[in-house]
Amino acid sequence: MYIKACKKDGTTVHGGRTPLKIGEEVDFEDGNGYLVKDFPSLICGHPGFDNPYNLCFFEVEPRSEIESNFSGGTLQCRKLFIKRVIQLDELKELGDRLFNERCNFFEPSKYGRTTNKAINRFVRFIKNLFNVK
């Protein structure tokens, strides 16, 4: 299974103009091509792909020659067929520890804010530093 991560509206994070749609074959307009991954932890951590809760994940099938096959499960191709949307819970169930840690780190708070645990720890540290209750 190959995974393509996009913004929530389906456009690619770096330079995408047209949203990707299920059941369509897409051809990369400019540049080198689409980067796809074969494991979720390879996606998160790159600039623009930090928070998995801000992304939409598609299962894709390369339809053109693979132009670059990078180490670690990343490949680049000009044409993709968009098979389906992959839910975040489904990616978590793949057992990828690094991806699950990233999801836990960015998990939205129960109060509806999109803060993460590191920010909460930092706020507590500052409050303790200045004795603010």
N, C-alpha and C. Protein backbone atom coordinates (compact mmCIF):
# COMPACT_ATOMS: atom_id res chain seq x y z
N MET A 1 0.86 -1.18 0.00
CA MET A 1 0.00 0.00 0.00
C MET A 1 0.90 1.23 0.00
N TYR A 2 0.63 2.15 -0.92
CA TYR A 2 1.35 3.42 -0.95
C TYR A 2 0.43 4.52 -0.44
N ILE A 3 1.00 5.43 0.32
CA ILE A 3 0.23 6.48 0.99
C ILE A 3 0.68 7.84 0.49
N LYS A 4 -0.29 8.69 0.17
CA LYS A 4 -0.02 10.08 -0.20
C LYS A 4 -0.71 10.95 0.83
N ALA A 5 0.04 11.82 1.47
CA ALA A 5 -0.53 12.75 2.45
C ALA A 5 -0.77 14.10 1.78
N CYS A 6 -1.91 14.71 2.09
CA CYS A 6 -2.29 15.99 1.52
C CYS A 6 -2.87 16.88 2.61
N LYS A 7 -3.14 18.11 2.24
CA LYS A 7 -3.87 18.99 3.15
C LYS A 7 -5.30 18.45 3.30
N LYS A 8 -6.03 18.97 4.27
CA LYS A 8 -7.40 18.51 4.52
C LYS A 8 -8.31 18.69 3.30
N ASP A 9 -8.03 19.71 2.47
CA ASP A 9 -8.87 19.94 1.29
C ASP A 9 -8.48 19.05 0.10
N GLY A 10 -7.47 18.21 0.27
CA GLY A 10 -7.07 17.29 -0.78
C GLY A 10 -5.97 17.81 -1.69
N THR A 11 -5.54 19.06 -1.51
CA THR A 11 -4.44 19.58 -2.32
C THR A 11 -3.12 19.14 -1.71
N THR A 12 -2.12 19.02 -2.56
CA THR A 12 -0.82 18.59 -2.05
C THR A 12 -0.19 19.72 -1.25
N VAL A 13 0.62 19.37 -0.29
CA VAL A 13 1.19 20.36 0.63
C VAL A 13 2.13 21.31 -0.07
N HIS A 14 2.94 20.81 -0.98
CA HIS A 14 3.91 21.67 -1.66
C HIS A 14 3.51 21.87 -3.12
N GLY A 15 2.78 22.93 -3.39
CA GLY A 15 2.51 23.33 -4.76
C GLY A 15 1.28 22.76 -5.42
N GLY A 16 0.42 22.09 -4.69
CA GLY A 16 -0.76 21.52 -5.32
C GLY A 16 -1.86 22.54 -5.54
N ARG A 17 -2.40 22.57 -6.73
CA ARG A 17 -3.48 23.52 -7.04
C ARG A 17 -4.83 22.82 -7.08
N THR A 18 -4.84 21.61 -7.58
CA THR A 18 -6.08 20.87 -7.76
C THR A 18 -6.19 19.78 -6.71
N PRO A 19 -7.33 19.73 -6.00
CA PRO A 19 -7.48 18.66 -5.00
C PRO A 19 -7.48 17.28 -5.64
N LEU A 20 -6.87 16.33 -4.96
CA LEU A 20 -6.90 14.94 -5.41
C LEU A 20 -8.27 14.36 -5.11
N LYS A 21 -8.80 13.55 -6.03
CA LYS A 21 -10.13 12.97 -5.85
C LYS A 21 -10.07 11.47 -6.03
N ILE A 22 -10.88 10.77 -5.25
CA ILE A 22 -10.92 9.32 -5.28
C ILE A 22 -11.39 8.85 -6.66
N GLY A 23 -10.72 7.83 -7.19
CA GLY A 23 -11.10 7.25 -8.47
C GLY A 23 -10.52 7.97 -9.67
N GLU A 24 -9.67 8.95 -9.46
CA GLU A 24 -9.09 9.70 -10.57
C GLU A 24 -7.60 9.40 -10.69
N GLU A 25 -7.13 9.51 -11.91
CA GLU A 25 -5.70 9.44 -12.16
C GLU A 25 -5.20 10.87 -12.29
N VAL A 26 -4.15 11.20 -11.58
CA VAL A 26 -3.62 12.56 -11.61
C VAL A 26 -2.22 12.55 -12.18
N ASP A 27 -1.91 13.61 -12.91
CA ASP A 27 -0.60 13.79 -13.51
C ASP A 27 0.02 15.03 -12.89
N PHE A 28 1.22 14.92 -12.38
CA PHE A 28 1.87 16.07 -11.74
C PHE A 28 2.14 17.13 -12.78
N GLU A 29 1.69 18.36 -12.49
CA GLU A 29 1.74 19.43 -13.49
C GLU A 29 3.15 20.00 -13.68
N ASP A 30 3.80 20.35 -12.59
CA ASP A 30 5.12 20.97 -12.67
C ASP A 30 6.06 20.25 -11.72
N GLY A 31 7.32 20.33 -12.00
CA GLY A 31 8.29 19.78 -11.06
C GLY A 31 8.61 18.33 -11.31
N ASN A 32 8.98 17.67 -10.24
CA ASN A 32 9.54 16.32 -10.36
C ASN A 32 8.54 15.19 -10.21
N GLY A 33 7.41 15.44 -9.60
CA GLY A 33 6.43 14.37 -9.41
C GLY A 33 5.95 14.28 -7.99
N TYR A 34 5.05 13.34 -7.77
CA TYR A 34 4.48 13.12 -6.45
C TYR A 34 5.40 12.22 -5.63
N LEU A 35 5.55 12.54 -4.36
CA LEU A 35 6.25 11.66 -3.44
C LEU A 35 5.22 10.85 -2.68
N VAL A 36 5.38 9.56 -2.65
CA VAL A 36 4.49 8.68 -1.89
C VAL A 36 5.34 7.81 -0.98
N LYS A 37 4.72 7.31 0.07
CA LYS A 37 5.44 6.52 1.08
C LYS A 37 4.75 5.17 1.24
N ASP A 38 5.50 4.21 1.75
CA ASP A 38 4.88 2.91 1.98
C ASP A 38 4.65 2.62 3.46
N PHE A 39 4.91 3.62 4.33
CA PHE A 39 4.65 3.44 5.76
C PHE A 39 4.36 4.81 6.36
N PRO A 40 3.39 4.93 7.25
CA PRO A 40 2.96 6.24 7.74
C PRO A 40 4.04 7.05 8.46
N SER A 41 4.95 6.42 9.19
CA SER A 41 5.94 7.20 9.93
C SER A 41 6.88 7.95 9.01
N LEU A 42 6.99 7.52 7.77
CA LEU A 42 7.87 8.21 6.83
C LEU A 42 7.29 9.55 6.40
N ILE A 43 5.99 9.74 6.57
CA ILE A 43 5.33 10.96 6.14
C ILE A 43 5.56 12.08 7.12
N CYS A 44 5.24 11.82 8.37
CA CYS A 44 5.24 12.88 9.38
C CYS A 44 6.66 13.28 9.76
N GLY A 45 6.81 14.57 10.02
CA GLY A 45 8.10 15.10 10.41
C GLY A 45 8.72 15.97 9.34
N HIS A 46 8.33 15.78 8.09
CA HIS A 46 8.82 16.64 7.03
C HIS A 46 8.10 17.99 7.12
N PRO A 47 8.72 19.07 6.65
CA PRO A 47 8.05 20.38 6.70
C PRO A 47 6.69 20.34 6.01
N GLY A 48 5.67 20.80 6.72
CA GLY A 48 4.31 20.79 6.20
C GLY A 48 3.55 19.52 6.55
N PHE A 49 4.25 18.52 7.07
CA PHE A 49 3.62 17.24 7.40
C PHE A 49 3.76 16.92 8.88
N ASP A 50 3.93 17.93 9.70
CA ASP A 50 4.21 17.71 11.12
C ASP A 50 3.04 17.07 11.85
N ASN A 51 1.86 17.65 11.71
CA ASN A 51 0.70 17.24 12.49
C ASN A 51 -0.22 16.34 11.66
N PRO A 52 -0.31 15.05 11.99
CA PRO A 52 -1.17 14.16 11.19
C PRO A 52 -2.64 14.52 11.25
N TYR A 53 -3.06 15.28 12.28
CA TYR A 53 -4.47 15.67 12.39
C TYR A 53 -4.82 16.78 11.40
N ASN A 54 -3.81 17.40 10.78
CA ASN A 54 -4.05 18.44 9.78
C ASN A 54 -3.90 17.90 8.36
N LEU A 55 -3.80 16.59 8.22
CA LEU A 55 -3.57 15.99 6.92
C LEU A 55 -4.70 15.04 6.53
N CYS A 56 -4.79 14.79 5.24
CA CYS A 56 -5.70 13.80 4.68
C CYS A 56 -4.81 12.76 4.00
N PHE A 57 -5.10 11.49 4.19
CA PHE A 57 -4.26 10.42 3.66
C PHE A 57 -5.03 9.64 2.60
N PHE A 58 -4.37 9.39 1.47
CA PHE A 58 -4.95 8.63 0.38
C PHE A 58 -4.12 7.37 0.14
N GLU A 59 -4.81 6.27 -0.19
CA GLU A 59 -4.11 5.11 -0.71
C GLU A 59 -4.01 5.33 -2.21
N VAL A 60 -2.81 5.23 -2.75
CA VAL A 60 -2.58 5.52 -4.16
C VAL A 60 -1.86 4.35 -4.83
N GLU A 61 -1.93 4.37 -6.15
CA GLU A 61 -1.24 3.38 -6.96
C GLU A 61 -0.44 4.13 -8.02
N PRO A 62 0.88 3.97 -8.06
CA PRO A 62 1.67 4.63 -9.11
C PRO A 62 1.24 4.12 -10.48
N ARG A 63 1.04 5.05 -11.43
CA ARG A 63 0.61 4.67 -12.78
C ARG A 63 1.63 5.06 -13.84
N SER A 64 2.75 5.55 -13.40
CA SER A 64 3.80 5.89 -14.35
C SER A 64 5.10 5.25 -13.87
N GLU A 65 6.10 5.41 -14.67
CA GLU A 65 7.41 4.90 -14.28
C GLU A 65 7.86 5.58 -13.00
N ILE A 66 8.44 4.81 -12.10
CA ILE A 66 8.95 5.38 -10.86
C ILE A 66 10.25 6.10 -11.18
N GLU A 67 10.24 7.43 -10.97
CA GLU A 67 11.38 8.24 -11.37
C GLU A 67 12.52 8.18 -10.37
N SER A 68 12.20 8.12 -9.11
CA SER A 68 13.22 8.02 -8.07
C SER A 68 12.70 7.07 -7.01
N ASN A 69 13.56 6.21 -6.55
CA ASN A 69 13.19 5.30 -5.48
C ASN A 69 14.17 5.57 -4.34
N PHE A 70 13.75 6.41 -3.41
CA PHE A 70 14.61 6.79 -2.31
C PHE A 70 14.68 5.67 -1.29
N SER A 71 15.71 5.68 -0.49
CA SER A 71 15.82 4.66 0.55
C SER A 71 14.73 4.86 1.59
N GLY A 72 14.34 3.80 2.22
CA GLY A 72 13.38 3.90 3.31
C GLY A 72 11.92 3.92 2.89
N GLY A 73 11.58 3.53 1.69
CA GLY A 73 10.18 3.40 1.32
C GLY A 73 9.54 4.61 0.69
N THR A 74 10.32 5.55 0.19
CA THR A 74 9.79 6.72 -0.50
C THR A 74 10.04 6.57 -1.99
N LEU A 75 9.00 6.83 -2.79
CA LEU A 75 9.21 6.82 -4.23
C LEU A 75 8.55 8.04 -4.86
N GLN A 76 8.99 8.34 -6.06
CA GLN A 76 8.53 9.52 -6.77
C GLN A 76 8.05 9.11 -8.15
N CYS A 77 6.85 9.57 -8.52
CA CYS A 77 6.34 9.27 -9.85
C CYS A 77 5.44 10.42 -10.31
N ARG A 78 5.23 10.50 -11.62
CA ARG A 78 4.46 11.61 -12.19
C ARG A 78 2.96 11.36 -12.18
N LYS A 79 2.52 10.11 -12.29
CA LYS A 79 1.09 9.81 -12.34
C LYS A 79 0.70 8.89 -11.21
N LEU A 80 -0.45 9.20 -10.60
CA LEU A 80 -0.99 8.39 -9.51
C LEU A 80 -2.46 8.13 -9.75
N PHE A 81 -2.92 6.98 -9.32
CA PHE A 81 -4.35 6.69 -9.27
C PHE A 81 -4.74 6.75 -7.80
N ILE A 82 -5.76 7.56 -7.49
CA ILE A 82 -6.22 7.73 -6.11
C ILE A 82 -7.26 6.66 -5.83
N LYS A 83 -6.93 5.69 -4.98
CA LYS A 83 -7.83 4.58 -4.70
C LYS A 83 -8.90 4.94 -3.67
N ARG A 84 -8.46 5.47 -2.52
CA ARG A 84 -9.42 5.73 -1.44
C ARG A 84 -8.78 6.61 -0.39
N VAL A 85 -9.61 7.12 0.51
CA VAL A 85 -9.13 7.86 1.68
C VAL A 85 -8.81 6.83 2.76
N ILE A 86 -7.70 7.04 3.42
CA ILE A 86 -7.32 6.18 4.55
C ILE A 86 -7.57 6.99 5.82
N GLN A 87 -8.37 6.44 6.71
CA GLN A 87 -8.66 7.11 7.98
C GLN A 87 -7.44 7.06 8.89
N LEU A 88 -7.30 8.07 9.73
CA LEU A 88 -6.18 8.15 10.65
C LEU A 88 -6.14 6.93 11.57
N ASP A 89 -7.30 6.48 12.03
CA ASP A 89 -7.35 5.30 12.90
C ASP A 89 -6.80 4.06 12.20
N GLU A 90 -7.07 3.94 10.90
CA GLU A 90 -6.56 2.80 10.15
C GLU A 90 -5.03 2.83 10.07
N LEU A 91 -4.47 4.02 9.90
CA LEU A 91 -3.02 4.14 9.87
C LEU A 91 -2.42 3.82 11.24
N LYS A 92 -3.11 4.23 12.30
CA LYS A 92 -2.62 3.93 13.64
C LYS A 92 -2.58 2.42 13.89
N GLU A 93 -3.55 1.70 13.32
CA GLU A 93 -3.64 0.25 13.53
C GLU A 93 -2.56 -0.54 12.79
N LEU A 94 -1.81 0.12 11.91
CA LEU A 94 -0.74 -0.58 11.20
C LEU A 94 0.41 -0.96 12.14
N GLY A 95 0.41 -0.41 13.34
CA GLY A 95 1.43 -0.76 14.32
C GLY A 95 2.73 -0.01 14.16
N ASP A 96 2.69 1.13 13.49
CA ASP A 96 3.88 1.96 13.30
C ASP A 96 4.07 2.81 14.56
N ARG A 97 5.00 2.42 15.41
CA ARG A 97 5.20 3.09 16.69
C ARG A 97 5.52 4.57 16.54
N LEU A 98 6.38 4.93 15.59
CA LEU A 98 6.75 6.34 15.42
C LEU A 98 5.56 7.19 14.98
N PHE A 99 4.74 6.64 14.10
CA PHE A 99 3.55 7.37 13.66
C PHE A 99 2.57 7.54 14.82
N ASN A 100 2.37 6.50 15.60
CA ASN A 100 1.46 6.58 16.74
C ASN A 100 1.96 7.57 17.78
N GLU A 101 3.27 7.63 18.00
CA GLU A 101 3.82 8.63 18.92
C GLU A 101 3.57 10.04 18.40
N ARG A 102 3.71 10.23 17.10
CA ARG A 102 3.45 11.54 16.50
C ARG A 102 1.98 11.91 16.69
N CYS A 103 1.08 10.95 16.49
CA CYS A 103 -0.35 11.21 16.69
C CYS A 103 -0.65 11.56 18.14
N ASN A 104 -0.05 10.84 19.07
CA ASN A 104 -0.25 11.15 20.49
C ASN A 104 0.27 12.53 20.84
N PHE A 105 1.39 12.90 20.26
CA PHE A 105 1.99 14.21 20.53
C PHE A 105 1.07 15.34 20.10
N PHE A 106 0.43 15.20 18.93
CA PHE A 106 -0.41 16.25 18.38
C PHE A 106 -1.89 16.05 18.65
N GLU A 107 -2.23 15.10 19.48
CA GLU A 107 -3.64 14.81 19.74
C GLU A 107 -4.36 16.06 20.22
N PRO A 108 -5.49 16.41 19.59
CA PRO A 108 -6.22 17.61 20.01
C PRO A 108 -6.70 17.46 21.46
N SER A 109 -6.70 18.58 22.16
CA SER A 109 -7.14 18.53 23.55
C SER A 109 -8.65 18.34 23.62
N LYS A 110 -9.13 17.93 24.77
CA LYS A 110 -10.57 17.71 24.93
C LYS A 110 -11.36 19.01 24.95
N TYR A 111 -10.68 20.14 24.98
CA TYR A 111 -11.36 21.43 25.03
C TYR A 111 -11.52 22.06 23.66
N GLY A 112 -11.18 21.31 22.62
CA GLY A 112 -11.39 21.80 21.26
C GLY A 112 -10.24 22.61 20.71
N ARG A 113 -9.24 22.87 21.52
CA ARG A 113 -8.08 23.61 21.01
C ARG A 113 -7.14 22.62 20.35
N THR A 114 -6.31 23.13 19.49
CA THR A 114 -5.37 22.26 18.79
C THR A 114 -3.98 22.35 19.41
N THR A 115 -3.93 22.47 20.72
CA THR A 115 -2.64 22.50 21.39
C THR A 115 -2.09 21.09 21.48
N ASN A 116 -0.83 20.98 21.72
CA ASN A 116 -0.25 19.66 21.89
C ASN A 116 0.39 19.54 23.26
N LYS A 117 0.82 18.36 23.60
CA LYS A 117 1.32 18.09 24.93
C LYS A 117 2.60 18.86 25.24
N ALA A 118 3.44 19.08 24.25
CA ALA A 118 4.68 19.82 24.48
C ALA A 118 4.38 21.26 24.86
N ILE A 119 3.40 21.87 24.20
CA ILE A 119 3.03 23.24 24.54
C ILE A 119 2.47 23.29 25.95
N ASN A 120 1.65 22.32 26.31
CA ASN A 120 1.09 22.28 27.67
C ASN A 120 2.20 22.16 28.70
N ARG A 121 3.21 21.34 28.45
CA ARG A 121 4.34 21.21 29.38
C ARG A 121 5.11 22.52 29.47
N PHE A 122 5.28 23.19 28.34
CA PHE A 122 6.00 24.46 28.32
C PHE A 122 5.24 25.52 29.13
N VAL A 123 3.93 25.57 28.98
CA VAL A 123 3.11 26.53 29.73
C VAL A 123 3.24 26.25 31.22
N ARG A 124 3.19 25.00 31.62
CA ARG A 124 3.35 24.66 33.05
C ARG A 124 4.73 25.08 33.55
N PHE A 125 5.76 24.88 32.73
CA PHE A 125 7.11 25.26 33.10
C PHE A 125 7.20 26.77 33.33
N ILE A 126 6.64 27.56 32.43
CA ILE A 126 6.67 29.02 32.56
C ILE A 126 5.90 29.46 33.79
N LYS A 127 4.74 28.87 34.02
CA LYS A 127 3.95 29.23 35.21
C LYS A 127 4.73 28.91 36.48
N ASN A 128 5.38 27.76 36.52
CA ASN A 128 6.19 27.40 37.70
C ASN A 128 7.39 28.32 37.85
N LEU A 129 7.99 28.70 36.75
CA LEU A 129 9.15 29.58 36.78
C LEU A 129 8.82 30.93 37.40
N PHE A 130 7.65 31.45 37.06
CA PHE A 130 7.24 32.77 37.55
C PHE A 130 6.22 32.68 38.69
N ASN A 131 6.03 31.49 39.23
CA ASN A 131 5.10 31.27 40.34
C ASN A 131 3.70 31.80 40.04
N VAL A 132 3.23 31.57 38.84
CA VAL A 132 1.89 31.99 38.43
C VAL A 132 0.94 30.83 38.68
N LYS A 133 -0.17 31.11 39.32
CA LYS A 133 -1.16 30.05 39.59
C LYS A 133 -2.27 30.11 38.59
